Amino acid sequence: MTNKLYTAKQTQEIFNSLGQVLGLQPYILSKLAIALSVKKGCIEPDDYKTDNEGLELSRQTIFGDHDLLFKALIINREHRSINEEEYFPGIVKAHLDRGAKFLEDEKRYSKDFYNHLCRLDMNL
């Protein structure tokens, strides 16, 4: 069982950019990215087609004390049983890399990023 993953290079670049603008660390950005990805729907086969040349993140860094909560949300979204080997790093990395792109888009198209994130459901 592995306890770390490597993000895509693009995810690292997005996190670096957002970190500078918003003052947020990768451990916060990773939670937001995964949450946005889970909100958008199931992982598609193309979401797994990313490189491993970005940030090295441990499972503890990504989830902290909320590992079981995120796993439950992902299992619920995927509508199927997911074993541990498939969940981490596979599905988590796919959600993280996909969600980083969503996070970048949300920042790009919002004037007040934090307020916008809090009101995403109201804007649909």
N, C-alpha and C. Protein backbone atom coordinates (compact mmCIF):
# COMPACT_ATOMS: atom_id res chain seq x y z
N MET A 1 0.85 -1.18 0.00
CA MET A 1 0.00 0.00 0.00
C MET A 1 0.90 1.24 0.00
N THR A 2 0.64 2.12 -0.94
CA THR A 2 1.41 3.35 -1.03
C THR A 2 0.68 4.48 -0.32
N ASN A 3 1.44 5.36 0.28
CA ASN A 3 0.84 6.48 1.00
C ASN A 3 1.21 7.82 0.40
N LYS A 4 1.73 7.81 -0.83
CA LYS A 4 2.02 9.07 -1.49
C LYS A 4 1.70 8.95 -2.97
N LEU A 5 1.51 10.12 -3.58
CA LEU A 5 1.27 10.17 -5.02
C LEU A 5 2.01 11.36 -5.59
N TYR A 6 2.15 11.36 -6.89
CA TYR A 6 2.76 12.48 -7.60
C TYR A 6 1.70 13.07 -8.51
N THR A 7 1.45 14.35 -8.36
CA THR A 7 0.46 15.01 -9.20
C THR A 7 1.03 15.17 -10.61
N ALA A 8 0.16 15.58 -11.52
CA ALA A 8 0.61 15.93 -12.86
C ALA A 8 1.38 17.25 -12.77
N LYS A 9 2.27 17.47 -13.71
CA LYS A 9 3.03 18.71 -13.76
C LYS A 9 2.08 19.91 -13.85
N GLN A 10 1.00 19.78 -14.62
CA GLN A 10 0.03 20.86 -14.75
C GLN A 10 -0.62 21.18 -13.41
N THR A 11 -0.91 20.17 -12.62
CA THR A 11 -1.49 20.38 -11.29
C THR A 11 -0.52 21.16 -10.41
N GLN A 12 0.75 20.80 -10.46
CA GLN A 12 1.76 21.53 -9.69
C GLN A 12 1.78 23.00 -10.12
N GLU A 13 1.74 23.25 -11.40
CA GLU A 13 1.77 24.63 -11.88
C GLU A 13 0.53 25.41 -11.43
N ILE A 14 -0.62 24.76 -11.48
CA ILE A 14 -1.86 25.39 -11.02
C ILE A 14 -1.78 25.70 -9.53
N PHE A 15 -1.32 24.73 -8.75
CA PHE A 15 -1.20 24.93 -7.30
C PHE A 15 -0.20 26.04 -6.98
N ASN A 16 0.90 26.09 -7.71
CA ASN A 16 1.89 27.15 -7.48
C ASN A 16 1.28 28.52 -7.78
N SER A 17 0.58 28.61 -8.88
CA SER A 17 -0.04 29.87 -9.28
C SER A 17 -1.11 30.31 -8.28
N LEU A 18 -2.02 29.40 -7.95
CA LEU A 18 -3.08 29.72 -7.00
C LEU A 18 -2.51 30.00 -5.61
N GLY A 19 -1.48 29.27 -5.24
CA GLY A 19 -0.85 29.47 -3.95
C GLY A 19 -0.28 30.87 -3.81
N GLN A 20 0.32 31.38 -4.89
CA GLN A 20 0.88 32.73 -4.85
C GLN A 20 -0.21 33.79 -4.78
N VAL A 21 -1.27 33.60 -5.55
CA VAL A 21 -2.35 34.59 -5.60
C VAL A 21 -3.21 34.56 -4.34
N LEU A 22 -3.54 33.35 -3.89
CA LEU A 22 -4.49 33.21 -2.78
C LEU A 22 -3.82 32.97 -1.43
N GLY A 23 -2.54 32.63 -1.44
CA GLY A 23 -1.85 32.35 -0.19
C GLY A 23 -2.25 31.02 0.42
N LEU A 24 -2.64 30.06 -0.43
CA LEU A 24 -3.06 28.74 0.06
C LEU A 24 -1.99 27.70 -0.24
N GLN A 25 -1.83 26.77 0.67
CA GLN A 25 -0.85 25.70 0.54
C GLN A 25 -1.46 24.51 -0.22
N PRO A 26 -0.60 23.63 -0.78
CA PRO A 26 -1.11 22.48 -1.53
C PRO A 26 -2.07 21.58 -0.74
N TYR A 27 -1.89 21.48 0.56
CA TYR A 27 -2.79 20.61 1.32
C TYR A 27 -4.22 21.16 1.33
N ILE A 28 -4.38 22.45 1.25
CA ILE A 28 -5.72 23.05 1.17
C ILE A 28 -6.24 22.96 -0.26
N LEU A 29 -5.39 23.31 -1.21
CA LEU A 29 -5.79 23.27 -2.62
C LEU A 29 -6.16 21.87 -3.07
N SER A 30 -5.47 20.87 -2.54
CA SER A 30 -5.78 19.49 -2.93
C SER A 30 -7.18 19.08 -2.47
N LYS A 31 -7.57 19.47 -1.27
CA LYS A 31 -8.92 19.16 -0.78
C LYS A 31 -9.98 19.86 -1.63
N LEU A 32 -9.74 21.13 -1.95
CA LEU A 32 -10.68 21.88 -2.78
C LEU A 32 -10.78 21.26 -4.17
N ALA A 33 -9.64 20.89 -4.74
CA ALA A 33 -9.63 20.30 -6.09
C ALA A 33 -10.40 18.98 -6.12
N ILE A 34 -10.15 18.12 -5.15
CA ILE A 34 -10.85 16.84 -5.10
C ILE A 34 -12.34 17.06 -4.90
N ALA A 35 -12.71 17.98 -4.02
CA ALA A 35 -14.12 18.26 -3.79
C ALA A 35 -14.81 18.75 -5.06
N LEU A 36 -14.16 19.65 -5.80
CA LEU A 36 -14.75 20.13 -7.06
C LEU A 36 -14.89 19.00 -8.07
N SER A 37 -13.89 18.16 -8.16
CA SER A 37 -13.95 17.04 -9.11
C SER A 37 -15.06 16.07 -8.75
N VAL A 38 -15.18 15.74 -7.48
CA VAL A 38 -16.24 14.83 -7.04
C VAL A 38 -17.61 15.44 -7.34
N LYS A 39 -17.73 16.74 -7.11
CA LYS A 39 -18.98 17.45 -7.39
C LYS A 39 -19.35 17.37 -8.87
N LYS A 40 -18.35 17.41 -9.74
CA LYS A 40 -18.60 17.41 -11.20
C LYS A 40 -19.00 16.04 -11.73
N GLY A 41 -18.72 14.96 -11.01
CA GLY A 41 -19.15 13.65 -11.47
C GLY A 41 -18.07 12.59 -11.44
N CYS A 42 -18.41 11.45 -12.00
CA CYS A 42 -17.52 10.29 -12.00
C CYS A 42 -16.27 10.55 -12.84
N ILE A 43 -15.23 9.85 -12.48
CA ILE A 43 -13.98 9.90 -13.22
C ILE A 43 -14.17 9.17 -14.55
N GLU A 44 -13.65 9.76 -15.60
CA GLU A 44 -13.68 9.16 -16.94
C GLU A 44 -12.31 8.54 -17.23
N PRO A 45 -12.24 7.58 -18.15
CA PRO A 45 -10.95 6.95 -18.46
C PRO A 45 -9.85 7.96 -18.83
N ASP A 46 -10.19 9.03 -19.52
CA ASP A 46 -9.18 10.03 -19.89
C ASP A 46 -8.61 10.77 -18.69
N ASP A 47 -9.34 10.80 -17.59
CA ASP A 47 -8.87 11.49 -16.38
C ASP A 47 -7.66 10.80 -15.75
N TYR A 48 -7.45 9.54 -16.10
CA TYR A 48 -6.29 8.80 -15.59
C TYR A 48 -5.03 9.06 -16.41
N LYS A 49 -5.18 9.67 -17.56
CA LYS A 49 -4.06 9.86 -18.50
C LYS A 49 -3.31 11.16 -18.19
N THR A 50 -2.62 11.16 -17.07
CA THR A 50 -1.81 12.31 -16.67
C THR A 50 -0.43 11.82 -16.29
N ASP A 51 0.53 12.75 -16.27
CA ASP A 51 1.89 12.38 -15.89
C ASP A 51 2.04 12.37 -14.37
N ASN A 52 3.20 11.97 -13.92
CA ASN A 52 3.52 11.94 -12.48
C ASN A 52 4.72 12.82 -12.20
N GLU A 53 4.78 13.97 -12.83
CA GLU A 53 5.96 14.82 -12.75
C GLU A 53 5.75 16.06 -11.87
N GLY A 54 4.70 16.06 -11.08
CA GLY A 54 4.38 17.23 -10.26
C GLY A 54 4.77 17.06 -8.81
N LEU A 55 3.94 17.60 -7.95
CA LEU A 55 4.18 17.57 -6.51
C LEU A 55 4.08 16.16 -5.94
N GLU A 56 4.91 15.88 -4.97
CA GLU A 56 4.77 14.66 -4.19
C GLU A 56 3.93 15.00 -2.98
N LEU A 57 2.79 14.33 -2.84
CA LEU A 57 1.89 14.56 -1.72
C LEU A 57 1.61 13.25 -1.00
N SER A 58 1.65 13.29 0.30
CA SER A 58 1.30 12.10 1.07
C SER A 58 -0.21 12.08 1.29
N ARG A 59 -0.71 10.92 1.58
CA ARG A 59 -2.14 10.77 1.86
C ARG A 59 -2.54 11.64 3.04
N GLN A 60 -1.68 11.69 4.06
CA GLN A 60 -1.95 12.51 5.24
C GLN A 60 -2.00 13.99 4.88
N THR A 61 -1.11 14.42 3.99
CA THR A 61 -1.09 15.82 3.56
C THR A 61 -2.37 16.17 2.83
N ILE A 62 -2.83 15.28 1.99
CA ILE A 62 -4.03 15.54 1.19
C ILE A 62 -5.28 15.56 2.07
N PHE A 63 -5.45 14.55 2.88
CA PHE A 63 -6.72 14.39 3.59
C PHE A 63 -6.69 14.78 5.06
N GLY A 64 -5.55 14.75 5.70
CA GLY A 64 -5.51 15.02 7.13
C GLY A 64 -6.40 14.03 7.87
N ASP A 65 -7.27 14.54 8.71
CA ASP A 65 -8.18 13.69 9.48
C ASP A 65 -9.46 13.35 8.72
N HIS A 66 -9.55 13.74 7.47
CA HIS A 66 -10.79 13.59 6.70
C HIS A 66 -10.71 12.51 5.63
N ASP A 67 -9.79 11.58 5.76
CA ASP A 67 -9.59 10.53 4.76
C ASP A 67 -10.87 9.73 4.53
N LEU A 68 -11.49 9.26 5.60
CA LEU A 68 -12.69 8.43 5.45
C LEU A 68 -13.86 9.21 4.85
N LEU A 69 -13.96 10.48 5.17
CA LEU A 69 -15.01 11.32 4.60
C LEU A 69 -14.83 11.43 3.09
N PHE A 70 -13.62 11.73 2.63
CA PHE A 70 -13.38 11.84 1.20
C PHE A 70 -13.59 10.50 0.50
N LYS A 71 -13.16 9.42 1.13
CA LYS A 71 -13.35 8.10 0.51
C LYS A 71 -14.84 7.81 0.37
N ALA A 72 -15.62 8.12 1.38
CA ALA A 72 -17.07 7.89 1.31
C ALA A 72 -17.70 8.73 0.21
N LEU A 73 -17.29 9.98 0.08
CA LEU A 73 -17.82 10.85 -0.97
C LEU A 73 -17.49 10.31 -2.36
N ILE A 74 -16.26 9.85 -2.52
CA ILE A 74 -15.84 9.30 -3.82
C ILE A 74 -16.57 8.01 -4.13
N ILE A 75 -16.71 7.12 -3.17
CA ILE A 75 -17.45 5.87 -3.37
C ILE A 75 -18.89 6.18 -3.73
N ASN A 76 -19.50 7.13 -3.05
CA ASN A 76 -20.87 7.52 -3.33
C ASN A 76 -21.01 8.07 -4.74
N ARG A 77 -20.07 8.90 -5.16
CA ARG A 77 -20.12 9.49 -6.50
C ARG A 77 -19.90 8.44 -7.58
N GLU A 78 -19.00 7.51 -7.34
CA GLU A 78 -18.69 6.48 -8.34
C GLU A 78 -19.75 5.38 -8.39
N HIS A 79 -20.62 5.32 -7.40
CA HIS A 79 -21.72 4.35 -7.34
C HIS A 79 -21.24 2.89 -7.41
N ARG A 80 -20.12 2.63 -6.73
CA ARG A 80 -19.61 1.27 -6.71
C ARG A 80 -18.62 1.09 -5.57
N SER A 81 -18.35 -0.15 -5.27
CA SER A 81 -17.36 -0.47 -4.26
C SER A 81 -15.96 -0.20 -4.83
N ILE A 82 -15.09 0.37 -4.03
CA ILE A 82 -13.73 0.68 -4.48
C ILE A 82 -12.75 0.12 -3.47
N ASN A 83 -11.85 -0.76 -3.93
CA ASN A 83 -10.86 -1.31 -3.00
C ASN A 83 -9.74 -0.30 -2.77
N GLU A 84 -8.96 -0.55 -1.76
CA GLU A 84 -7.94 0.39 -1.32
C GLU A 84 -6.88 0.64 -2.39
N GLU A 85 -6.47 -0.38 -3.11
CA GLU A 85 -5.44 -0.23 -4.14
C GLU A 85 -5.93 0.65 -5.30
N GLU A 86 -7.20 0.55 -5.62
CA GLU A 86 -7.76 1.37 -6.69
C GLU A 86 -7.99 2.81 -6.22
N TYR A 87 -8.37 2.96 -4.96
CA TYR A 87 -8.69 4.27 -4.40
C TYR A 87 -7.47 5.18 -4.32
N PHE A 88 -6.41 4.70 -3.68
CA PHE A 88 -5.21 5.52 -3.51
C PHE A 88 -4.00 4.79 -4.02
N PRO A 89 -3.29 5.33 -4.97
CA PRO A 89 -3.39 6.69 -5.46
C PRO A 89 -4.28 6.89 -6.68
N GLY A 90 -4.73 5.83 -7.34
CA GLY A 90 -5.42 5.90 -8.63
C GLY A 90 -6.55 6.90 -8.74
N ILE A 91 -7.66 6.61 -8.09
CA ILE A 91 -8.84 7.46 -8.20
C ILE A 91 -8.59 8.83 -7.56
N VAL A 92 -7.89 8.86 -6.46
CA VAL A 92 -7.60 10.13 -5.79
C VAL A 92 -6.78 11.02 -6.71
N LYS A 93 -5.75 10.48 -7.35
CA LYS A 93 -4.92 11.27 -8.25
C LYS A 93 -5.74 11.77 -9.44
N ALA A 94 -6.61 10.93 -9.99
CA ALA A 94 -7.44 11.35 -11.11
C ALA A 94 -8.35 12.51 -10.71
N HIS A 95 -8.97 12.41 -9.54
CA HIS A 95 -9.81 13.51 -9.05
C HIS A 95 -8.97 14.76 -8.75
N LEU A 96 -7.81 14.57 -8.18
CA LEU A 96 -6.94 15.70 -7.83
C LEU A 96 -6.50 16.46 -9.08
N ASP A 97 -6.02 15.74 -10.09
CA ASP A 97 -5.55 16.39 -11.32
C ASP A 97 -6.71 17.04 -12.08
N ARG A 98 -7.83 16.36 -12.17
CA ARG A 98 -8.99 16.93 -12.85
C ARG A 98 -9.52 18.14 -12.08
N GLY A 99 -9.60 18.00 -10.77
CA GLY A 99 -10.12 19.07 -9.93
C GLY A 99 -9.24 20.31 -9.93
N ALA A 100 -7.94 20.15 -10.10
CA ALA A 100 -7.04 21.31 -10.17
C ALA A 100 -7.41 22.19 -11.36
N LYS A 101 -7.75 21.57 -12.47
CA LYS A 101 -8.18 22.34 -13.66
C LYS A 101 -9.49 23.07 -13.37
N PHE A 102 -10.42 22.41 -12.69
CA PHE A 102 -11.68 23.06 -12.33
C PHE A 102 -11.42 24.23 -11.37
N LEU A 103 -10.52 24.01 -10.44
CA LEU A 103 -10.19 25.05 -9.46
C LEU A 103 -9.59 26.27 -10.17
N GLU A 104 -8.72 26.03 -11.12
CA GLU A 104 -8.13 27.12 -11.89
C GLU A 104 -9.21 27.89 -12.66
N ASP A 105 -10.15 27.16 -13.25
CA ASP A 105 -11.25 27.81 -13.98
C ASP A 105 -12.11 28.65 -13.04
N GLU A 106 -12.41 28.12 -11.87
CA GLU A 106 -13.22 28.87 -10.91
C GLU A 106 -12.52 30.16 -10.49
N LYS A 107 -11.22 30.10 -10.30
CA LYS A 107 -10.46 31.30 -9.94
C LYS A 107 -10.45 32.29 -11.10
N ARG A 108 -10.28 31.79 -12.30
CA ARG A 108 -10.18 32.65 -13.47
C ARG A 108 -11.46 33.44 -13.73
N TYR A 109 -12.61 32.80 -13.47
CA TYR A 109 -13.88 33.40 -13.84
C TYR A 109 -14.68 33.96 -12.66
N SER A 110 -14.02 34.16 -11.53
CA SER A 110 -14.73 34.73 -10.38
C SER A 110 -13.99 35.96 -9.88
N LYS A 111 -14.75 36.92 -9.41
CA LYS A 111 -14.15 38.14 -8.86
C LYS A 111 -13.75 37.93 -7.40
N ASP A 112 -14.59 37.24 -6.65
CA ASP A 112 -14.34 36.96 -5.24
C ASP A 112 -14.29 35.43 -5.09
N PHE A 113 -13.10 34.88 -5.19
CA PHE A 113 -12.91 33.43 -5.26
C PHE A 113 -13.55 32.70 -4.09
N TYR A 114 -13.30 33.14 -2.87
CA TYR A 114 -13.80 32.43 -1.70
C TYR A 114 -15.33 32.47 -1.64
N ASN A 115 -15.89 33.61 -1.89
CA ASN A 115 -17.35 33.74 -1.90
C ASN A 115 -17.94 32.89 -3.03
N HIS A 116 -17.28 32.91 -4.17
CA HIS A 116 -17.74 32.11 -5.31
C HIS A 116 -17.75 30.62 -4.97
N LEU A 117 -16.69 30.12 -4.36
CA LEU A 117 -16.64 28.70 -3.99
C LEU A 117 -17.77 28.33 -3.03
N CYS A 118 -18.05 29.21 -2.10
CA CYS A 118 -19.11 28.95 -1.12
C CYS A 118 -20.50 28.93 -1.75
N ARG A 119 -20.64 29.57 -2.89
CA ARG A 119 -21.95 29.69 -3.53
C ARG A 119 -22.08 28.91 -4.83
N LEU A 120 -21.20 27.96 -5.06
CA LEU A 120 -21.22 27.21 -6.31
C LEU A 120 -22.58 26.55 -6.58
N ASP A 121 -23.17 25.94 -5.57
CA ASP A 121 -24.47 25.27 -5.77
C ASP A 121 -25.57 26.25 -6.12
N MET A 122 -25.48 27.46 -5.62
CA MET A 122 -26.51 28.46 -5.91
C MET A 122 -26.39 28.99 -7.34
N ASN A 123 -25.20 28.87 -7.94
CA ASN A 123 -24.97 29.43 -9.26
C ASN A 123 -25.31 28.47 -10.38
N LEU A 124 -25.75 27.29 -10.05
CA LEU A 124 -26.04 26.30 -11.10
C LEU A 124 -27.46 26.46 -11.62
